[in-house]
Amino acid sequence: MQRRRETTKLPIISTQLLETYSATFDTPFFEQRPIAWNSKKKQFTIRDPKSCKLYWFNVFCVLVLTNGSFMLVILKMKQLDAAWIGIFFPLLGVMIAGLFDYMLLTTYYAPEVANLIINLMRLECRVLNESLPHVLENVSQFKNLVLILKVQNPIFVGLSFVFAGLGVYLKMCPHGFLLEQWFGPYLETHDLARWTLRFLSFLAMGVGCVEQMQINAMLNAFITSIAFSWERIENLVSQLPTRTATEFSNVVANYRQLHLIGKISSDFVSGAGILLIYVMSVMLSGFTYVTIKLYGKMPLEAYLLAPYMFLIIFGISYFLLRALEGINQKCVEGLGNLRLYEIRRSLERRMVNAIPVFAIPCGLPGYKIFLIEDGYKLNFYSTVLDNAWNLLLSFPNP
């Protein structure tokens, strides 16, 4: 009994990942958001989107309109003599658009997202208490991931303003560049106007970078808490003992509870999976092309960002896809073990046969819906390499 009580002290992965996000962004220093995590009460706070006016202003007016629209003007004008900007900045635009769409998706399905994660927490606690001691000793705790997210979020907030300052100084921020192009002679002779516009440009760039970092941190915390919690639960349930009728019934109840949770939040999980897989595949292919093809043709600041983004997206996709594959693999393994149990009653047989193998659907709506199963990660990277190779062959030297 003493050993069994100690299992409850194992950390719940979703609470740790959500705390890395909320400790930085769900604080009085930042504006209210439609969905927030209360670390003390271990629950979500869902607010009416209309009450988060400052947040929507910063996202839409500052991040999207002020920064995004000026960038579109630059690309349309084609006044930059460096051809790399026509390739590099659209890639950043795809990344920002993917993060923006994910934020809207999370806001729209906020109650479902909160119910999904809360139910996963409760089921994880239940399964931890039912698991055998030797199984719990090998449970993944993701300590390094939690530590990295906990450290990087506050650092990236500070770096956002550093990047904004460098963007203004190097004339790489879109509005600052256009203002110099349009009003350069006037600004050269009027110091007050020049520094005022530079300050406003720095402020818009800084706020935009912070909002983008917040959305990125939200994606990392929410998606990893869902995927890794689900994988851990499937892994533990697949190894639960089924020697007695009571243990058998508990395993069946856990599986049915897990699939019920999945049905409740299927819209959000499917939408987020579709968005993530396709955005990551595009970004990995694009940054591979930029890193190889545009070496020596871009400014050093921009070139260093390309391989860095490649490594970040590669790391996120690798661990995320491994977790999604594990969900299906452990479900198949657990149901196989369950069917090996000596079923003595027809009711038990029907209960086992009624449990479907769960896999997260992902694909382009209206074109192809497939399941993330064993070997999908290899197919994903094969597609990325094939796309990157085709880009290298099809595009002329910039």
Protein backbone atom coordinates (compact mmCIF):
# COMPACT_ATOMS: atom_id res chain seq x y z
CA MET A 1 0.00 0.00 0.00
CA GLN A 2 2.87 2.33 0.76
CA ARG A 3 4.30 1.80 -2.72
CA ARG A 4 0.90 2.31 -4.31
CA ARG A 5 0.38 5.61 -2.47
CA GLU A 6 3.77 6.81 -3.71
CA THR A 7 2.64 6.50 -7.31
CA THR A 8 0.39 9.51 -6.90
CA LYS A 9 3.53 11.62 -6.39
CA LEU A 10 4.60 11.03 -9.99
CA PRO A 11 4.19 14.34 -11.84
CA ILE A 12 1.32 14.71 -14.29
CA ILE A 13 2.93 15.69 -17.58
CA SER A 14 0.16 18.03 -18.76
CA THR A 15 0.23 20.15 -15.58
CA GLN A 16 4.00 20.59 -15.87
CA LEU A 17 3.82 21.65 -19.52
CA LEU A 18 0.94 24.04 -18.93
CA GLU A 19 2.74 25.63 -15.99
CA THR A 20 5.76 26.39 -18.19
CA TYR A 21 3.40 28.45 -20.36
CA SER A 22 1.24 30.06 -17.69
CA ALA A 23 4.17 31.05 -15.46
CA THR A 24 5.25 33.51 -18.15
CA PHE A 25 2.14 34.51 -20.08
CA ASP A 26 -0.87 34.01 -17.76
CA THR A 27 0.39 36.70 -15.41
CA PRO A 28 -0.65 40.31 -14.64
CA PHE A 29 2.14 41.57 -16.90
CA PHE A 30 0.27 40.36 -20.00
CA GLU A 31 -3.21 41.06 -21.30
CA GLN A 32 -6.08 38.65 -20.62
CA ARG A 33 -6.50 35.82 -23.10
CA PRO A 34 -9.62 33.77 -23.94
CA ILE A 35 -8.10 30.62 -22.37
CA ALA A 36 -5.69 30.61 -19.43
CA TRP A 37 -4.33 28.01 -17.02
CA ASN A 38 -4.43 28.58 -13.26
CA SER A 39 -1.43 26.73 -11.83
CA LYS A 40 -2.61 27.00 -8.21
CA LYS A 41 -6.15 25.72 -8.77
CA LYS A 42 -5.11 23.29 -11.55
CA GLN A 43 -7.92 24.43 -13.80
CA PHE A 44 -8.58 26.53 -16.89
CA THR A 45 -10.13 29.98 -17.01
CA ILE A 46 -12.31 30.48 -20.08
CA ARG A 47 -13.15 34.11 -20.82
CA ASP A 48 -15.53 35.66 -23.30
CA PRO A 49 -13.38 36.70 -26.32
CA LYS A 50 -15.11 40.10 -26.26
CA SER A 51 -13.56 40.82 -22.86
CA CYS A 52 -10.03 40.37 -24.26
CA LYS A 53 -10.00 43.50 -26.44
CA LEU A 54 -6.35 44.41 -25.80
CA TYR A 55 -5.24 40.91 -26.76
CA TRP A 56 -7.14 40.97 -30.06
CA PHE A 57 -5.84 44.47 -30.77
CA ASN A 58 -2.24 43.33 -30.31
CA VAL A 59 -2.76 40.20 -32.39
CA PHE A 60 -4.79 41.66 -35.26
CA CYS A 61 -3.74 45.30 -35.42
CA VAL A 62 -0.10 45.07 -34.33
CA LEU A 63 1.03 41.57 -35.36
CA VAL A 64 -1.10 40.96 -38.46
CA LEU A 65 -1.92 44.38 -39.91
CA THR A 66 1.01 46.55 -38.87
CA ASN A 67 3.76 43.98 -39.41
CA GLY A 68 2.13 41.63 -41.92
CA SER A 69 0.58 44.19 -44.25
CA PHE A 70 3.80 46.21 -44.52
CA MET A 71 5.66 43.04 -45.39
CA LEU A 72 3.18 42.33 -48.20
CA VAL A 73 3.74 45.85 -49.52
CA ILE A 74 7.51 45.25 -49.62
CA LEU A 75 7.11 41.96 -51.45
CA LYS A 76 4.73 43.55 -53.95
CA MET A 77 6.96 46.54 -54.57
CA LYS A 78 10.03 44.30 -55.06
CA GLN A 79 12.26 47.24 -54.23
CA LEU A 80 14.78 45.11 -52.37
CA ASP A 81 17.76 44.21 -54.52
CA ALA A 82 18.25 40.89 -52.68
CA ALA A 83 16.25 38.09 -54.28
CA TRP A 84 16.34 36.03 -51.07
CA ILE A 85 13.59 38.10 -49.50
CA GLY A 86 11.04 36.74 -51.96
CA ILE A 87 11.75 33.24 -50.64
CA PHE A 88 12.68 33.72 -47.01
CA PHE A 89 9.90 36.02 -45.86
CA PRO A 90 7.04 33.96 -47.39
CA LEU A 91 8.34 31.04 -45.33
CA LEU A 92 8.15 33.15 -42.19
CA GLY A 93 4.68 34.23 -43.30
CA VAL A 94 3.53 30.60 -43.56
CA MET A 95 4.88 29.93 -40.08
CA ILE A 96 3.19 32.99 -38.56
CA ALA A 97 -0.07 32.19 -40.39
CA GLY A 98 0.03 28.63 -39.03
CA LEU A 99 0.53 29.91 -35.48
CA PHE A 100 -2.24 32.47 -35.98
CA ASP A 101 -4.66 29.81 -37.26
CA TYR A 102 -3.83 27.58 -34.32
CA MET A 103 -4.55 30.43 -31.90
CA LEU A 104 -7.95 31.00 -33.52
CA LEU A 105 -8.66 27.26 -33.45
CA THR A 106 -7.80 27.05 -29.75
CA THR A 107 -9.96 30.08 -28.98
CA TYR A 108 -12.92 28.69 -30.94
CA TYR A 109 -12.68 25.28 -29.25
CA ALA A 110 -11.59 26.63 -25.85
CA PRO A 111 -14.17 24.66 -23.79
CA GLU A 112 -13.32 21.47 -25.68
CA VAL A 113 -9.58 22.03 -25.23
CA ALA A 114 -10.03 22.61 -21.49
CA ASN A 115 -12.30 19.55 -21.08
CA LEU A 116 -9.90 17.41 -23.08
CA ILE A 117 -6.82 18.25 -20.99
CA ILE A 118 -8.68 18.13 -17.66
CA ASN A 119 -10.12 14.69 -18.47
CA LEU A 120 -6.68 13.46 -19.57
CA MET A 121 -5.27 14.64 -16.23
CA ARG A 122 -7.93 12.76 -14.27
CA LEU A 123 -7.52 9.60 -16.31
CA GLU A 124 -3.73 9.79 -16.00
CA CYS A 125 -4.00 10.01 -12.21
CA ARG A 126 -6.33 7.02 -12.19
CA VAL A 127 -4.09 4.91 -14.41
CA LEU A 128 -0.99 5.82 -12.37
CA ASN A 129 -2.70 4.54 -9.23
CA GLU A 130 -3.66 1.27 -10.94
CA SER A 131 -0.26 0.60 -12.54
CA LEU A 132 2.29 -1.85 -11.18
CA PRO A 133 5.44 -0.48 -9.48
CA HIS A 134 7.91 -1.92 -12.02
CA VAL A 135 5.93 -0.26 -14.85
CA LEU A 136 5.94 3.13 -13.15
CA GLU A 137 9.72 3.04 -12.79
CA ASN A 138 10.01 3.28 -16.59
CA VAL A 139 7.40 6.00 -17.11
CA SER A 140 8.70 8.89 -19.21
CA GLN A 141 8.68 12.13 -17.21
CA PHE A 142 9.99 14.48 -19.96
CA LYS A 143 12.11 16.40 -17.45
CA ASN A 144 14.39 17.87 -20.11
CA LEU A 145 11.46 19.07 -22.23
CA VAL A 146 9.80 20.71 -19.23
CA LEU A 147 13.07 22.37 -18.23
CA ILE A 148 13.71 23.70 -21.74
CA LEU A 149 10.21 25.18 -22.04
CA LYS A 150 10.38 26.62 -18.53
CA VAL A 151 13.66 28.40 -19.27
CA GLN A 152 13.08 29.50 -22.85
CA ASN A 153 9.69 31.25 -22.47
CA PRO A 154 10.85 34.18 -20.28
CA ILE A 155 14.12 34.40 -22.23
CA PHE A 156 12.28 34.66 -25.55
CA VAL A 157 10.10 37.46 -24.22
CA GLY A 158 13.23 39.52 -23.53
CA LEU A 159 14.81 38.49 -26.82
CA SER A 160 11.70 39.69 -28.66
CA PHE A 161 12.60 43.29 -27.87
CA VAL A 162 16.26 42.62 -28.68
CA PHE A 163 15.21 41.30 -32.09
CA ALA A 164 12.94 44.29 -32.55
CA GLY A 165 15.80 46.66 -31.77
CA LEU A 166 18.10 44.88 -34.21
CA GLY A 167 15.36 44.97 -36.83
CA VAL A 168 15.02 48.73 -36.49
CA TYR A 169 18.79 49.30 -36.41
CA LEU A 170 19.48 47.05 -39.42
CA LYS A 171 16.40 48.35 -41.25
CA MET A 172 14.94 44.84 -41.52
CA CYS A 173 11.57 45.51 -39.90
CA PRO A 174 8.96 46.10 -42.63
CA HIS A 175 7.44 49.41 -41.50
CA GLY A 176 10.83 50.91 -40.67
CA PHE A 177 12.14 49.98 -44.10
CA LEU A 178 9.15 51.49 -45.92
CA LEU A 179 9.25 54.66 -43.86
CA GLU A 180 12.90 55.10 -44.79
CA GLN A 181 12.03 54.50 -48.45
CA TRP A 182 9.09 56.90 -48.52
CA PHE A 183 10.27 59.69 -46.19
CA GLY A 184 14.05 59.21 -46.15
CA PRO A 185 15.08 62.77 -47.16
CA TYR A 186 12.61 64.34 -44.72
CA LEU A 187 13.66 62.11 -41.82
CA GLU A 188 17.34 62.84 -42.41
CA THR A 189 16.76 66.51 -41.66
CA HIS A 190 14.23 66.12 -38.81
CA ASP A 191 15.69 64.22 -35.86
CA LEU A 192 12.52 64.31 -33.74
CA ALA A 193 10.38 62.78 -36.47
CA ARG A 194 13.03 60.19 -37.31
CA TRP A 195 13.46 58.96 -33.75
CA THR A 196 9.72 59.07 -33.08
CA LEU A 197 9.03 56.84 -36.08
CA ARG A 198 11.88 54.53 -35.10
CA PHE A 199 10.48 54.22 -31.57
CA LEU A 200 6.99 53.44 -32.91
CA SER A 201 8.50 50.93 -35.30
CA PHE A 202 10.43 49.33 -32.43
CA LEU A 203 7.29 49.22 -30.26
CA ALA A 204 5.19 47.62 -33.01
CA MET A 205 7.93 45.12 -33.82
CA GLY A 206 8.47 44.27 -30.14
CA VAL A 207 4.79 43.75 -29.36
CA GLY A 208 4.37 41.70 -32.52
CA CYS A 209 7.33 39.46 -31.62
CA VAL A 210 6.03 38.97 -28.06
CA GLU A 211 2.56 38.00 -29.32
CA GLN A 212 4.09 35.58 -31.79
CA MET A 213 6.23 34.04 -29.04
CA GLN A 214 3.14 33.71 -26.84
CA ILE A 215 1.21 31.86 -29.54
CA ASN A 216 4.23 29.64 -30.13
CA ALA A 217 4.51 28.90 -26.40
CA MET A 218 0.79 28.12 -26.24
CA LEU A 219 1.12 25.69 -29.14
CA ASN A 220 4.10 23.97 -27.53
CA ALA A 221 2.39 23.66 -24.15
CA PHE A 222 -1.09 22.61 -25.32
CA ILE A 223 -0.10 20.22 -28.11
CA THR A 224 2.64 18.49 -26.11
CA SER A 225 0.43 18.17 -23.03
CA ILE A 226 -2.28 16.49 -25.12
CA ALA A 227 0.00 14.23 -27.18
CA PHE A 228 2.40 13.18 -24.41
CA SER A 229 -0.39 12.68 -21.84
CA TRP A 230 -2.27 10.54 -24.34
CA GLU A 231 0.84 8.50 -25.12
CA ARG A 232 1.60 7.96 -21.43
CA ILE A 233 -1.98 6.86 -20.71
CA GLU A 234 -2.01 4.44 -23.67
CA ASN A 235 1.37 3.08 -22.56
CA LEU A 236 0.24 2.51 -18.96
CA VAL A 237 -3.17 1.08 -19.86
CA SER A 238 -1.55 -1.40 -22.26
CA GLN A 239 0.48 -2.77 -19.32
CA LEU A 240 -2.24 -2.89 -16.67
CA PRO A 241 -2.76 -6.33 -15.10
CA THR A 242 -5.79 -8.36 -16.23
CA ARG A 243 -5.44 -11.42 -14.02
CA THR A 244 -8.75 -11.02 -12.25
CA ALA A 245 -12.23 -10.05 -13.39
CA THR A 246 -11.97 -6.75 -11.50
CA GLU A 247 -8.68 -5.84 -13.15
CA PHE A 248 -10.10 -6.77 -16.53
CA SER A 249 -13.12 -4.52 -15.99
CA ASN A 250 -10.84 -1.64 -14.92
CA VAL A 251 -8.77 -1.92 -18.10
CA VAL A 252 -11.90 -1.97 -20.27
CA ALA A 253 -13.28 1.06 -18.40
CA ASN A 254 -10.02 2.96 -18.95
CA TYR A 255 -10.07 2.25 -22.67
CA ARG A 256 -13.69 3.28 -23.02
CA GLN A 257 -13.03 6.45 -21.01
CA LEU A 258 -10.05 7.29 -23.21
CA HIS A 259 -12.05 6.88 -26.40
CA LEU A 260 -14.92 8.89 -24.97
CA ILE A 261 -12.49 11.73 -24.22
CA GLY A 262 -11.24 11.51 -27.80
CA LYS A 263 -14.76 11.70 -29.22
CA ILE A 264 -15.60 14.78 -27.16
CA SER A 265 -12.64 16.75 -28.53
CA SER A 266 -12.25 15.11 -31.94
CA ASP A 267 -12.85 18.36 -33.85
CA PHE A 268 -10.03 20.23 -32.14
CA VAL A 269 -7.61 17.29 -32.21
CA SER A 270 -8.25 16.64 -35.91
CA GLY A 271 -8.02 20.32 -36.84
CA ALA A 272 -4.83 20.89 -34.87
CA GLY A 273 -3.27 17.71 -36.28
CA ILE A 274 -4.06 18.66 -39.86
CA LEU A 275 -2.70 22.17 -39.37
CA LEU A 276 0.49 21.07 -37.63
CA ILE A 277 1.43 18.28 -40.03
CA TYR A 278 1.07 20.35 -43.19
CA VAL A 279 2.61 23.54 -41.83
CA MET A 280 5.59 21.61 -40.42
CA SER A 281 6.11 19.74 -43.69
CA VAL A 282 6.06 23.00 -45.67
CA MET A 283 8.38 24.74 -43.23
CA LEU A 284 10.87 21.86 -43.08
CA SER A 285 10.99 21.63 -46.88
CA GLY A 286 11.30 25.40 -47.28
CA PHE A 287 14.01 25.97 -44.68
CA THR A 288 15.99 23.03 -46.04
CA TYR A 289 15.92 24.74 -49.44
CA VAL A 290 16.84 28.14 -47.96
CA THR A 291 19.70 26.71 -45.88
CA ILE A 292 21.29 24.96 -48.86
CA LYS A 293 20.36 27.08 -51.88
CA LEU A 294 20.74 30.54 -50.38
CA TYR A 295 24.00 29.98 -48.53
CA GLY A 296 26.14 33.07 -48.97
CA LYS A 297 23.34 34.97 -50.74
CA MET A 298 21.51 36.26 -47.66
CA PRO A 299 22.63 38.61 -44.90
CA LEU A 300 24.30 36.75 -42.05
CA GLU A 301 21.45 37.57 -39.64
CA ALA A 302 18.85 36.02 -41.93
CA TYR A 303 20.94 33.01 -42.85
CA LEU A 304 21.62 32.07 -39.23
CA LEU A 305 17.87 32.11 -38.62
CA ALA A 306 17.15 29.57 -41.40
CA PRO A 307 19.11 26.56 -40.03
CA TYR A 308 17.98 27.47 -36.50
CA MET A 309 14.33 27.33 -37.55
CA PHE A 310 15.00 24.07 -39.39
CA LEU A 311 16.39 22.45 -36.25
CA ILE A 312 13.57 23.74 -34.05
CA ILE A 313 10.82 22.51 -36.39
CA PHE A 314 12.65 19.22 -36.93
CA GLY A 315 12.89 18.63 -33.18
CA ILE A 316 9.24 19.50 -32.54
CA SER A 317 7.98 17.32 -35.38
CA TYR A 318 10.23 14.39 -34.39
CA PHE A 319 9.00 14.18 -30.79
CA LEU A 320 5.42 15.02 -31.69
CA LEU A 321 5.17 12.41 -34.45
CA ARG A 322 6.82 9.84 -32.20
CA ALA A 323 4.16 10.51 -29.56
CA LEU A 324 1.33 10.26 -32.09
CA GLU A 325 2.71 6.98 -33.41
CA GLY A 326 3.02 5.72 -29.86
CA ILE A 327 -0.65 6.42 -29.19
CA ASN A 328 -1.70 4.03 -31.94
CA GLN A 329 1.02 1.46 -31.26
CA LYS A 330 0.28 1.15 -27.54
CA CYS A 331 -3.46 0.98 -28.19
CA VAL A 332 -2.97 -1.95 -30.57
CA GLU A 333 -0.60 -3.62 -28.11
CA GLY A 334 -2.93 -3.13 -25.17
CA LEU A 335 -5.99 -4.44 -26.97
CA GLY A 336 -3.97 -7.45 -28.09
CA ASN A 337 -3.03 -8.19 -24.47
CA LEU A 338 -6.64 -7.73 -23.45
CA ARG A 339 -7.86 -10.25 -26.00
CA LEU A 340 -5.36 -12.79 -24.65
CA TYR A 341 -7.23 -12.71 -21.36
CA GLU A 342 -9.27 -15.82 -20.68
CA ILE A 343 -12.72 -14.50 -21.52
CA ARG A 344 -15.35 -16.62 -19.86
CA ARG A 345 -18.49 -14.65 -20.65
CA SER A 346 -19.95 -13.43 -23.91
CA LEU A 347 -20.45 -9.98 -22.35
CA GLU A 348 -16.72 -9.65 -21.76
CA ARG A 349 -16.02 -10.74 -25.33
CA ARG A 350 -18.41 -8.11 -26.70
CA MET A 351 -16.84 -5.48 -24.46
CA VAL A 352 -13.38 -6.19 -25.84
CA ASN A 353 -14.54 -6.31 -29.46
CA ALA A 354 -16.36 -2.98 -29.02
CA ILE A 355 -13.12 -1.12 -28.23
CA PRO A 356 -11.71 0.34 -31.47
CA VAL A 357 -8.05 0.94 -32.17
CA PHE A 358 -7.54 4.67 -31.79
CA ALA A 359 -5.38 6.76 -34.10
CA ILE A 360 -5.43 10.53 -34.58
CA PRO A 361 -6.81 11.35 -38.05
CA CYS A 362 -4.78 13.82 -40.02
CA GLY A 363 -4.75 15.00 -43.62
CA LEU A 364 -6.05 17.60 -46.00
CA PRO A 365 -9.87 17.83 -45.82
CA GLY A 366 -11.53 16.79 -49.05
CA TYR A 367 -8.35 15.23 -50.39
CA LYS A 368 -6.94 12.54 -48.13
CA ILE A 369 -7.62 11.39 -44.58
CA PHE A 370 -5.08 8.98 -43.17
CA LEU A 371 -4.13 7.64 -39.76
CA ILE A 372 -0.86 8.24 -37.99
CA GLU A 373 0.35 4.69 -37.50
CA ASP A 374 3.67 2.86 -37.21
CA GLY A 375 6.13 4.11 -39.80
CA TYR A 376 4.32 7.38 -40.46
CA LYS A 377 7.25 9.40 -39.13
CA LEU A 378 9.51 7.87 -41.77
CA ASN A 379 6.99 8.64 -44.52
CA PHE A 380 6.70 12.22 -43.24
CA TYR A 381 10.43 12.89 -43.48
CA SER A 382 10.63 11.12 -46.84
CA THR A 383 8.00 13.54 -48.14
CA VAL A 384 9.92 16.50 -46.69
CA LEU A 385 13.19 15.42 -48.32
CA ASP A 386 11.44 14.78 -51.62
CA ASN A 387 9.82 18.24 -51.58
CA ALA A 388 13.09 19.93 -50.63
CA TRP A 389 14.94 18.08 -53.43
CA ASN A 390 12.31 19.11 -55.98
CA LEU A 391 12.66 22.73 -54.83
CA LEU A 392 16.41 22.61 -55.23
CA LEU A 393 16.07 21.27 -58.78
CA SER A 394 13.21 23.48 -59.93
CA PHE A 395 14.25 26.93 -58.69
CA PRO A 396 17.07 28.80 -60.43
CA ASN A 397 19.88 30.33 -58.46
CA PRO A 398 18.58 33.54 -56.86
